Amino acid sequence: MEKEWYVVNTYSGHENKVKEKLEMRANSMGMEDYIYRVVVPEQIEIDEKGKEKNKKMFPGYILVEMIMTDEAWFIVRNTPGVTGFIGSSGKGAKPFPLTPQEVDKILGSMGMSRLEIGNTLNVGDTVKVTNGPFASMYGKVTTINMETQQLEVALDLFGQETIVELNLTEIERA
């Protein structure tokens, strides 16, 4: 099984508390290998006075990157403040994960990526391009720029190796 992103419903206004509780529970129960990241989708907005403030993109929802095992599912569902998963029909059915494109759009608007550089993506790894003119092509990562969240990938174009620059949102691990 591989890790995927899921949407979890919480009490509105309690997203950060639920994030904190879920991270503590995953840590205390030794589930760090199954529950990876918990994200409250937020954007920085500037109010009429010119002050920056965080605004929740989806009030009452958090994103959880996890491997959907019975135990991990149980821990998330039974965290105080969680009302359930989105994409589950109920009656004990496990939810459907978000697609990589949905995750890229949400995390990209927050300046994040679903791929963790250094943990899941390194120089020399093979990746698949997911969109743009090189979509569905495979190549090897040659350089990674952490600041700009871009990387250079060597693609085989007409029998010749060509280096192209891509955003993290345009690729997935092969």
N, C-alpha and C. Protein backbone atom coordinates (compact mmCIF):
# COMPACT_ATOMS: atom_id res chain seq x y z
N MET A 1 0.85 -1.19 0.00
CA MET A 1 0.00 0.00 0.00
C MET A 1 0.89 1.24 0.00
N GLU A 2 0.41 2.28 -0.63
CA GLU A 2 1.18 3.51 -0.64
C GLU A 2 0.39 4.62 0.05
N LYS A 3 1.12 5.67 0.44
CA LYS A 3 0.46 6.76 1.14
C LYS A 3 -0.30 7.63 0.15
N GLU A 4 -1.47 8.07 0.58
CA GLU A 4 -2.33 8.92 -0.24
C GLU A 4 -2.95 9.98 0.66
N TRP A 5 -3.57 10.98 0.04
CA TRP A 5 -4.17 12.08 0.77
C TRP A 5 -5.68 11.86 0.89
N TYR A 6 -6.19 12.12 2.09
CA TYR A 6 -7.62 11.98 2.38
C TYR A 6 -8.14 13.26 3.01
N VAL A 7 -9.44 13.53 2.82
CA VAL A 7 -10.08 14.69 3.44
C VAL A 7 -10.84 14.20 4.66
N VAL A 8 -10.59 14.87 5.79
CA VAL A 8 -11.22 14.49 7.05
C VAL A 8 -12.10 15.66 7.50
N ASN A 9 -13.35 15.36 7.87
CA ASN A 9 -14.29 16.36 8.35
C ASN A 9 -14.09 16.56 9.84
N THR A 10 -14.04 17.83 10.28
CA THR A 10 -13.89 18.17 11.70
C THR A 10 -14.97 19.17 12.08
N TYR A 11 -15.08 19.43 13.37
CA TYR A 11 -15.95 20.52 13.80
C TYR A 11 -15.35 21.82 13.29
N SER A 12 -16.17 22.68 12.72
CA SER A 12 -15.68 23.94 12.17
C SER A 12 -15.07 24.79 13.28
N GLY A 13 -13.89 25.32 13.00
CA GLY A 13 -13.19 26.12 14.00
C GLY A 13 -12.24 25.32 14.87
N HIS A 14 -12.28 23.99 14.74
CA HIS A 14 -11.43 23.11 15.54
C HIS A 14 -10.35 22.43 14.72
N GLU A 15 -10.12 22.91 13.48
CA GLU A 15 -9.19 22.24 12.58
C GLU A 15 -7.78 22.13 13.16
N ASN A 16 -7.27 23.22 13.72
CA ASN A 16 -5.90 23.20 14.26
C ASN A 16 -5.79 22.31 15.49
N LYS A 17 -6.83 22.28 16.33
CA LYS A 17 -6.84 21.41 17.51
C LYS A 17 -6.84 19.94 17.07
N VAL A 18 -7.65 19.63 16.07
CA VAL A 18 -7.72 18.26 15.57
C VAL A 18 -6.38 17.85 14.96
N LYS A 19 -5.76 18.76 14.21
CA LYS A 19 -4.44 18.49 13.62
C LYS A 19 -3.44 18.14 14.73
N GLU A 20 -3.42 18.95 15.77
CA GLU A 20 -2.51 18.73 16.88
C GLU A 20 -2.79 17.39 17.58
N LYS A 21 -4.06 17.11 17.85
CA LYS A 21 -4.44 15.85 18.52
C LYS A 21 -4.09 14.63 17.67
N LEU A 22 -4.35 14.74 16.36
CA LEU A 22 -4.08 13.62 15.47
C LEU A 22 -2.58 13.35 15.37
N GLU A 23 -1.78 14.41 15.28
CA GLU A 23 -0.32 14.22 15.24
C GLU A 23 0.18 13.61 16.54
N MET A 24 -0.36 14.06 17.69
CA MET A 24 0.04 13.49 18.98
C MET A 24 -0.35 12.02 19.08
N ARG A 25 -1.56 11.68 18.64
CA ARG A 25 -2.02 10.28 18.70
C ARG A 25 -1.18 9.39 17.80
N ALA A 26 -0.88 9.85 16.59
CA ALA A 26 -0.06 9.06 15.66
C ALA A 26 1.31 8.81 16.28
N ASN A 27 1.87 9.82 16.93
CA ASN A 27 3.18 9.71 17.56
C ASN A 27 3.13 8.77 18.77
N SER A 28 2.16 8.96 19.64
CA SER A 28 2.09 8.15 20.87
C SER A 28 1.73 6.69 20.59
N MET A 29 1.05 6.42 19.48
CA MET A 29 0.65 5.05 19.16
C MET A 29 1.60 4.39 18.17
N GLY A 30 2.71 5.08 17.85
CA GLY A 30 3.70 4.50 16.95
C GLY A 30 3.22 4.35 15.52
N MET A 31 2.37 5.26 15.07
CA MET A 31 1.80 5.17 13.72
C MET A 31 2.42 6.16 12.74
N GLU A 32 3.64 6.66 13.04
CA GLU A 32 4.29 7.64 12.16
C GLU A 32 4.57 7.05 10.78
N ASP A 33 4.65 5.73 10.69
CA ASP A 33 4.90 5.07 9.40
C ASP A 33 3.62 4.91 8.58
N TYR A 34 2.47 5.31 9.15
CA TYR A 34 1.20 5.19 8.46
C TYR A 34 0.47 6.53 8.33
N ILE A 35 0.65 7.42 9.30
CA ILE A 35 0.04 8.74 9.26
C ILE A 35 1.19 9.73 9.16
N TYR A 36 1.36 10.34 7.98
CA TYR A 36 2.54 11.15 7.69
C TYR A 36 2.34 12.63 7.98
N ARG A 37 1.47 13.26 7.23
CA ARG A 37 1.28 14.70 7.37
C ARG A 37 -0.19 15.03 7.57
N VAL A 38 -0.43 16.04 8.40
CA VAL A 38 -1.77 16.56 8.61
C VAL A 38 -1.70 18.04 8.26
N VAL A 39 -2.56 18.49 7.35
CA VAL A 39 -2.50 19.86 6.86
C VAL A 39 -3.87 20.52 6.99
N VAL A 40 -3.88 21.73 7.55
CA VAL A 40 -5.08 22.56 7.55
C VAL A 40 -4.94 23.50 6.36
N PRO A 41 -5.73 23.32 5.30
CA PRO A 41 -5.59 24.18 4.12
C PRO A 41 -5.92 25.64 4.43
N GLU A 42 -4.91 26.50 4.34
CA GLU A 42 -5.07 27.92 4.63
C GLU A 42 -4.37 28.75 3.57
N GLN A 43 -4.86 29.97 3.39
CA GLN A 43 -4.22 30.94 2.50
C GLN A 43 -4.03 32.22 3.29
N ILE A 44 -2.98 32.96 2.95
CA ILE A 44 -2.75 34.24 3.59
C ILE A 44 -3.53 35.30 2.83
N GLU A 45 -4.35 36.03 3.57
CA GLU A 45 -5.14 37.10 2.99
C GLU A 45 -4.74 38.41 3.63
N ILE A 46 -4.82 39.49 2.87
CA ILE A 46 -4.53 40.81 3.42
C ILE A 46 -5.85 41.54 3.57
N ASP A 47 -6.14 41.95 4.83
CA ASP A 47 -7.42 42.62 5.09
C ASP A 47 -7.35 44.09 4.68
N GLU A 48 -8.45 44.81 4.89
CA GLU A 48 -8.54 46.20 4.45
C GLU A 48 -7.56 47.13 5.17
N LYS A 49 -7.04 46.70 6.32
CA LYS A 49 -6.05 47.50 7.05
C LYS A 49 -4.62 47.15 6.64
N GLY A 50 -4.48 46.22 5.72
CA GLY A 50 -3.15 45.84 5.23
C GLY A 50 -2.47 44.78 6.07
N LYS A 51 -3.20 44.17 7.01
CA LYS A 51 -2.63 43.12 7.85
C LYS A 51 -2.83 41.76 7.20
N GLU A 52 -1.80 40.92 7.34
CA GLU A 52 -1.92 39.55 6.84
C GLU A 52 -2.63 38.69 7.86
N LYS A 53 -3.50 37.81 7.37
CA LYS A 53 -4.11 36.85 8.28
C LYS A 53 -4.42 35.57 7.51
N ASN A 54 -4.34 34.46 8.23
CA ASN A 54 -4.60 33.16 7.61
C ASN A 54 -6.10 32.93 7.51
N LYS A 55 -6.54 32.53 6.33
CA LYS A 55 -7.95 32.21 6.13
C LYS A 55 -8.04 30.75 5.70
N LYS A 56 -8.89 30.01 6.35
CA LYS A 56 -9.07 28.60 6.02
C LYS A 56 -9.75 28.48 4.66
N MET A 57 -9.16 27.65 3.80
CA MET A 57 -9.72 27.44 2.47
C MET A 57 -11.00 26.61 2.55
N PHE A 58 -11.00 25.61 3.44
CA PHE A 58 -12.13 24.71 3.59
C PHE A 58 -12.46 24.57 5.08
N PRO A 59 -13.23 25.52 5.64
CA PRO A 59 -13.55 25.43 7.07
C PRO A 59 -14.22 24.09 7.40
N GLY A 60 -13.73 23.45 8.45
CA GLY A 60 -14.30 22.17 8.87
C GLY A 60 -13.63 20.96 8.24
N TYR A 61 -12.52 21.18 7.50
CA TYR A 61 -11.85 20.06 6.85
C TYR A 61 -10.34 20.17 7.01
N ILE A 62 -9.70 19.01 7.12
CA ILE A 62 -8.24 18.93 7.11
C ILE A 62 -7.84 17.85 6.11
N LEU A 63 -6.58 17.90 5.68
CA LEU A 63 -6.05 16.88 4.77
C LEU A 63 -5.08 16.00 5.56
N VAL A 64 -5.15 14.71 5.34
CA VAL A 64 -4.25 13.77 6.01
C VAL A 64 -3.58 12.89 4.97
N GLU A 65 -2.24 12.87 5.00
CA GLU A 65 -1.48 11.98 4.13
C GLU A 65 -1.21 10.72 4.94
N MET A 66 -1.71 9.59 4.45
CA MET A 66 -1.60 8.36 5.24
C MET A 66 -1.69 7.12 4.36
N ILE A 67 -1.27 6.00 4.94
CA ILE A 67 -1.50 4.69 4.33
C ILE A 67 -2.76 4.16 4.99
N MET A 68 -3.76 3.83 4.20
CA MET A 68 -5.07 3.46 4.72
C MET A 68 -5.09 2.01 5.20
N THR A 69 -4.58 1.80 6.40
CA THR A 69 -4.70 0.49 7.05
C THR A 69 -5.88 0.56 8.01
N ASP A 70 -6.35 -0.58 8.48
CA ASP A 70 -7.46 -0.59 9.43
C ASP A 70 -7.11 0.20 10.69
N GLU A 71 -5.88 0.02 11.18
CA GLU A 71 -5.47 0.69 12.41
C GLU A 71 -5.36 2.21 12.22
N ALA A 72 -4.75 2.64 11.12
CA ALA A 72 -4.61 4.07 10.85
C ALA A 72 -5.99 4.71 10.66
N TRP A 73 -6.86 4.02 9.95
CA TRP A 73 -8.22 4.49 9.73
C TRP A 73 -8.94 4.65 11.06
N PHE A 74 -8.79 3.69 11.95
CA PHE A 74 -9.41 3.73 13.27
C PHE A 74 -8.90 4.92 14.08
N ILE A 75 -7.58 5.14 14.07
CA ILE A 75 -6.98 6.23 14.84
C ILE A 75 -7.51 7.59 14.37
N VAL A 76 -7.55 7.80 13.06
CA VAL A 76 -8.03 9.09 12.53
C VAL A 76 -9.51 9.27 12.85
N ARG A 77 -10.32 8.26 12.59
CA ARG A 77 -11.77 8.36 12.82
C ARG A 77 -12.11 8.65 14.27
N ASN A 78 -11.32 8.10 15.20
CA ASN A 78 -11.62 8.23 16.62
C ASN A 78 -10.83 9.31 17.33
N THR A 79 -10.23 10.21 16.57
CA THR A 79 -9.57 11.38 17.15
C THR A 79 -10.65 12.37 17.57
N PRO A 80 -10.58 12.91 18.79
CA PRO A 80 -11.59 13.89 19.21
C PRO A 80 -11.68 15.07 18.25
N GLY A 81 -12.89 15.41 17.85
CA GLY A 81 -13.13 16.52 16.92
C GLY A 81 -13.32 16.07 15.48
N VAL A 82 -12.99 14.81 15.16
CA VAL A 82 -13.17 14.28 13.81
C VAL A 82 -14.59 13.73 13.69
N THR A 83 -15.29 14.15 12.63
CA THR A 83 -16.64 13.64 12.41
C THR A 83 -16.70 12.58 11.32
N GLY A 84 -15.61 12.41 10.57
CA GLY A 84 -15.57 11.36 9.56
C GLY A 84 -14.69 11.73 8.39
N PHE A 85 -14.60 10.81 7.45
CA PHE A 85 -13.85 11.01 6.22
C PHE A 85 -14.81 11.44 5.11
N ILE A 86 -14.32 12.23 4.18
CA ILE A 86 -15.09 12.57 2.99
C ILE A 86 -14.76 11.51 1.93
N GLY A 87 -15.77 11.04 1.23
CA GLY A 87 -15.55 10.03 0.20
C GLY A 87 -15.81 8.63 0.69
N SER A 88 -16.46 8.50 1.85
CA SER A 88 -16.81 7.19 2.38
C SER A 88 -18.33 7.10 2.40
N SER A 89 -18.84 5.96 2.02
CA SER A 89 -20.29 5.79 2.00
C SER A 89 -20.84 5.46 3.38
N GLY A 90 -19.94 5.36 4.36
CA GLY A 90 -20.38 4.97 5.71
C GLY A 90 -20.46 3.47 5.80
N LYS A 91 -21.09 2.96 6.82
CA LYS A 91 -21.30 1.52 7.02
C LYS A 91 -19.97 0.75 6.97
N GLY A 92 -18.88 1.36 7.47
CA GLY A 92 -17.60 0.66 7.52
C GLY A 92 -16.80 0.69 6.24
N ALA A 93 -17.26 1.45 5.24
CA ALA A 93 -16.53 1.53 3.97
C ALA A 93 -15.41 2.55 4.10
N LYS A 94 -14.23 2.19 3.60
CA LYS A 94 -13.09 3.10 3.64
C LYS A 94 -13.27 4.17 2.56
N PRO A 95 -12.74 5.37 2.81
CA PRO A 95 -12.93 6.48 1.86
C PRO A 95 -12.02 6.38 0.65
N PHE A 96 -12.37 7.15 -0.37
CA PHE A 96 -11.54 7.27 -1.56
C PHE A 96 -10.53 8.39 -1.33
N PRO A 97 -9.28 8.22 -1.79
CA PRO A 97 -8.29 9.29 -1.64
C PRO A 97 -8.50 10.38 -2.68
N LEU A 98 -7.89 11.54 -2.43
CA LEU A 98 -7.87 12.61 -3.41
C LEU A 98 -6.96 12.21 -4.57
N THR A 99 -7.22 12.73 -5.75
CA THR A 99 -6.33 12.46 -6.88
C THR A 99 -5.08 13.32 -6.73
N PRO A 100 -3.95 12.92 -7.33
CA PRO A 100 -2.75 13.76 -7.25
C PRO A 100 -2.97 15.18 -7.77
N GLN A 101 -3.83 15.34 -8.78
CA GLN A 101 -4.10 16.67 -9.32
C GLN A 101 -4.83 17.54 -8.30
N GLU A 102 -5.78 16.95 -7.56
CA GLU A 102 -6.50 17.70 -6.54
C GLU A 102 -5.56 18.12 -5.41
N VAL A 103 -4.70 17.20 -5.00
CA VAL A 103 -3.74 17.50 -3.94
C VAL A 103 -2.78 18.58 -4.38
N ASP A 104 -2.27 18.47 -5.62
CA ASP A 104 -1.34 19.47 -6.14
C ASP A 104 -1.97 20.86 -6.16
N LYS A 105 -3.23 20.94 -6.54
CA LYS A 105 -3.91 22.23 -6.62
C LYS A 105 -4.05 22.85 -5.23
N ILE A 106 -4.47 22.07 -4.25
CA ILE A 106 -4.67 22.58 -2.89
C ILE A 106 -3.33 22.95 -2.25
N LEU A 107 -2.39 22.00 -2.25
CA LEU A 107 -1.10 22.27 -1.61
C LEU A 107 -0.30 23.33 -2.37
N GLY A 108 -0.42 23.36 -3.69
CA GLY A 108 0.28 24.36 -4.49
C GLY A 108 -0.17 25.77 -4.15
N SER A 109 -1.45 25.94 -3.87
CA SER A 109 -1.95 27.27 -3.51
C SER A 109 -1.45 27.71 -2.14
N MET A 110 -0.93 26.75 -1.36
CA MET A 110 -0.36 27.05 -0.04
C MET A 110 1.16 27.12 -0.09
N GLY A 111 1.74 26.93 -1.30
CA GLY A 111 3.19 26.94 -1.42
C GLY A 111 3.83 25.64 -0.95
N MET A 112 3.06 24.56 -0.95
CA MET A 112 3.56 23.24 -0.53
C MET A 112 3.50 22.28 -1.71
N SER A 113 4.07 21.09 -1.51
CA SER A 113 4.04 20.05 -2.52
C SER A 113 3.70 18.73 -1.85
N ARG A 114 3.06 17.84 -2.60
CA ARG A 114 2.76 16.53 -2.02
C ARG A 114 4.00 15.64 -1.97
N LEU A 115 5.01 15.97 -2.78
CA LEU A 115 6.26 15.22 -2.74
C LEU A 115 7.22 15.89 -1.78
N GLU A 116 7.79 15.12 -0.89
CA GLU A 116 8.74 15.67 0.07
C GLU A 116 10.15 15.49 -0.48
N ILE A 117 10.79 16.61 -0.82
CA ILE A 117 12.14 16.55 -1.35
C ILE A 117 13.06 16.02 -0.26
N GLY A 118 13.88 15.03 -0.61
CA GLY A 118 14.80 14.44 0.35
C GLY A 118 14.23 13.20 1.00
N ASN A 119 12.90 13.13 1.16
CA ASN A 119 12.29 11.93 1.73
C ASN A 119 11.72 11.04 0.63
N THR A 120 10.93 11.63 -0.27
CA THR A 120 10.32 10.82 -1.32
C THR A 120 10.89 11.11 -2.69
N LEU A 121 11.70 12.17 -2.82
CA LEU A 121 12.23 12.53 -4.13
C LEU A 121 13.68 12.95 -4.00
N ASN A 122 14.55 12.28 -4.74
CA ASN A 122 15.98 12.57 -4.71
C ASN A 122 16.53 12.64 -6.13
N VAL A 123 17.71 13.24 -6.28
CA VAL A 123 18.40 13.26 -7.57
C VAL A 123 18.66 11.80 -7.99
N GLY A 124 18.38 11.50 -9.25
CA GLY A 124 18.57 10.14 -9.77
C GLY A 124 17.29 9.33 -9.81
N ASP A 125 16.23 9.79 -9.13
CA ASP A 125 14.95 9.08 -9.14
C ASP A 125 14.27 9.21 -10.50
N THR A 126 13.51 8.20 -10.86
CA THR A 126 12.73 8.25 -12.10
C THR A 126 11.36 8.82 -11.76
N VAL A 127 10.91 9.78 -12.60
CA VAL A 127 9.62 10.41 -12.39
C VAL A 127 8.82 10.37 -13.69
N LYS A 128 7.51 10.54 -13.54
CA LYS A 128 6.62 10.61 -14.69
C LYS A 128 6.05 12.02 -14.73
N VAL A 129 6.07 12.64 -15.90
CA VAL A 129 5.50 13.97 -16.07
C VAL A 129 3.99 13.81 -16.20
N THR A 130 3.23 14.58 -15.39
CA THR A 130 1.78 14.40 -15.36
C THR A 130 1.01 15.40 -16.21
N ASN A 131 1.60 16.57 -16.50
CA ASN A 131 0.89 17.52 -17.36
C ASN A 131 1.88 18.39 -18.12
N GLY A 132 1.36 19.17 -19.06
CA GLY A 132 2.22 19.99 -19.89
C GLY A 132 2.58 19.27 -21.18
N PRO A 133 3.49 19.83 -21.96
CA PRO A 133 3.83 19.25 -23.27
C PRO A 133 4.54 17.90 -23.17
N PHE A 134 5.12 17.58 -22.01
CA PHE A 134 5.84 16.32 -21.86
C PHE A 134 5.04 15.29 -21.06
N ALA A 135 3.73 15.50 -20.92
CA ALA A 135 2.87 14.62 -20.13
C ALA A 135 3.03 13.17 -20.56
N SER A 136 3.04 12.28 -19.59
CA SER A 136 3.16 10.82 -19.71
C SER A 136 4.56 10.34 -20.10
N MET A 137 5.55 11.26 -20.13
CA MET A 137 6.93 10.85 -20.40
C MET A 137 7.64 10.58 -19.07
N TYR A 138 8.64 9.70 -19.12
CA TYR A 138 9.42 9.37 -17.94
C TYR A 138 10.83 9.93 -18.09
N GLY A 139 11.43 10.31 -16.97
CA GLY A 139 12.79 10.82 -16.99
C GLY A 139 13.44 10.70 -15.63
N LYS A 140 14.74 11.03 -15.58
CA LYS A 140 15.50 10.99 -14.33
C LYS A 140 15.73 12.40 -13.82
N VAL A 141 15.57 12.58 -12.50
CA VAL A 141 15.80 13.87 -11.86
C VAL A 141 17.31 14.14 -11.86
N THR A 142 17.72 15.32 -12.38
CA THR A 142 19.15 15.66 -12.41
C THR A 142 19.49 16.71 -11.35
N THR A 143 18.59 17.67 -11.11
CA THR A 143 18.81 18.65 -10.04
C THR A 143 17.48 19.01 -9.39
N ILE A 144 17.56 19.42 -8.13
CA ILE A 144 16.37 19.84 -7.38
C ILE A 144 16.65 21.19 -6.76
N ASN A 145 15.75 22.15 -6.99
CA ASN A 145 15.87 23.47 -6.37
C ASN A 145 14.79 23.58 -5.29
N MET A 146 15.22 23.49 -4.02
CA MET A 146 14.29 23.48 -2.89
C MET A 146 13.52 24.80 -2.78
N GLU A 147 14.18 25.92 -3.06
CA GLU A 147 13.55 27.23 -2.87
C GLU A 147 12.41 27.47 -3.85
N THR A 148 12.64 27.15 -5.12
CA THR A 148 11.62 27.41 -6.14
C THR A 148 10.69 26.22 -6.36
N GLN A 149 10.96 25.10 -5.68
CA GLN A 149 10.16 23.88 -5.83
C GLN A 149 10.14 23.41 -7.28
N GLN A 150 11.29 23.58 -7.96
CA GLN A 150 11.42 23.12 -9.33
C GLN A 150 12.55 22.12 -9.43
N LEU A 151 12.52 21.33 -10.48
CA LEU A 151 13.59 20.36 -10.69
C LEU A 151 13.87 20.23 -12.17
N GLU A 152 15.06 19.73 -12.47
CA GLU A 152 15.42 19.46 -13.85
C GLU A 152 15.37 17.96 -14.04
N VAL A 153 14.75 17.57 -15.15
CA VAL A 153 14.55 16.16 -15.45
C VAL A 153 15.12 15.87 -16.83
N ALA A 154 15.87 14.78 -16.95
CA ALA A 154 16.42 14.36 -18.24
C ALA A 154 15.40 13.44 -18.91
N LEU A 155 14.84 13.92 -20.04
CA LEU A 155 13.86 13.16 -20.81
C LEU A 155 14.49 12.67 -22.10
N ASP A 156 14.01 11.55 -22.62
CA ASP A 156 14.48 11.03 -23.90
C ASP A 156 13.55 11.56 -25.00
N LEU A 157 14.03 12.58 -25.73
CA LEU A 157 13.24 13.15 -26.82
C LEU A 157 13.90 12.78 -28.15
N PHE A 158 13.22 11.98 -28.93
CA PHE A 158 13.69 11.55 -30.24
C PHE A 158 15.08 10.93 -30.16
N GLY A 159 15.30 10.10 -29.15
CA GLY A 159 16.56 9.40 -29.01
C GLY A 159 17.69 10.22 -28.43
N GLN A 160 17.39 11.43 -27.98
CA GLN A 160 18.43 12.29 -27.40
C GLN A 160 17.98 12.75 -26.02
N GLU A 161 18.91 12.71 -25.06
CA GLU A 161 18.59 13.14 -23.71
C GLU A 161 18.48 14.66 -23.66
N THR A 162 17.34 15.15 -23.18
CA THR A 162 17.08 16.59 -23.10
C THR A 162 16.70 16.93 -21.68
N ILE A 163 17.29 18.00 -21.15
CA ILE A 163 16.99 18.45 -19.80
C ILE A 163 15.85 19.47 -19.87
N VAL A 164 14.77 19.22 -19.10
CA VAL A 164 13.66 20.16 -19.01
C VAL A 164 13.45 20.56 -17.55
N GLU A 165 13.00 21.80 -17.34
CA GLU A 165 12.72 22.28 -15.99
C GLU A 165 11.23 22.15 -15.73
N LEU A 166 10.89 21.51 -14.59
CA LEU A 166 9.50 21.26 -14.25
C LEU A 166 9.22 21.68 -12.81
N ASN A 167 7.96 21.99 -12.52
CA ASN A 167 7.53 22.23 -11.15
C ASN A 167 7.21 20.90 -10.49
N LEU A 168 7.26 20.88 -9.17
CA LEU A 168 6.92 19.65 -8.46
C LEU A 168 5.49 19.22 -8.72
N THR A 169 4.62 20.17 -9.05
CA THR A 169 3.23 19.85 -9.30
C THR A 169 3.02 19.16 -10.65
N GLU A 170 4.07 19.12 -11.49
CA GLU A 170 3.94 18.54 -12.82
C GLU A 170 4.46 17.12 -12.92
N ILE A 171 4.89 16.56 -11.79
CA ILE A 171 5.49 15.21 -11.84
C ILE A 171 4.93 14.33 -10.73
N GLU A 172 5.15 13.04 -10.89
CA GLU A 172 4.88 12.08 -9.82
C GLU A 172 5.95 11.01 -9.88
N ARG A 173 6.20 10.37 -8.74
CA ARG A 173 7.20 9.31 -8.71
C ARG A 173 6.76 8.15 -9.60
N ALA A 174 7.70 7.61 -10.35
CA ALA A 174 7.38 6.48 -11.24
C ALA A 174 7.51 5.17 -10.50
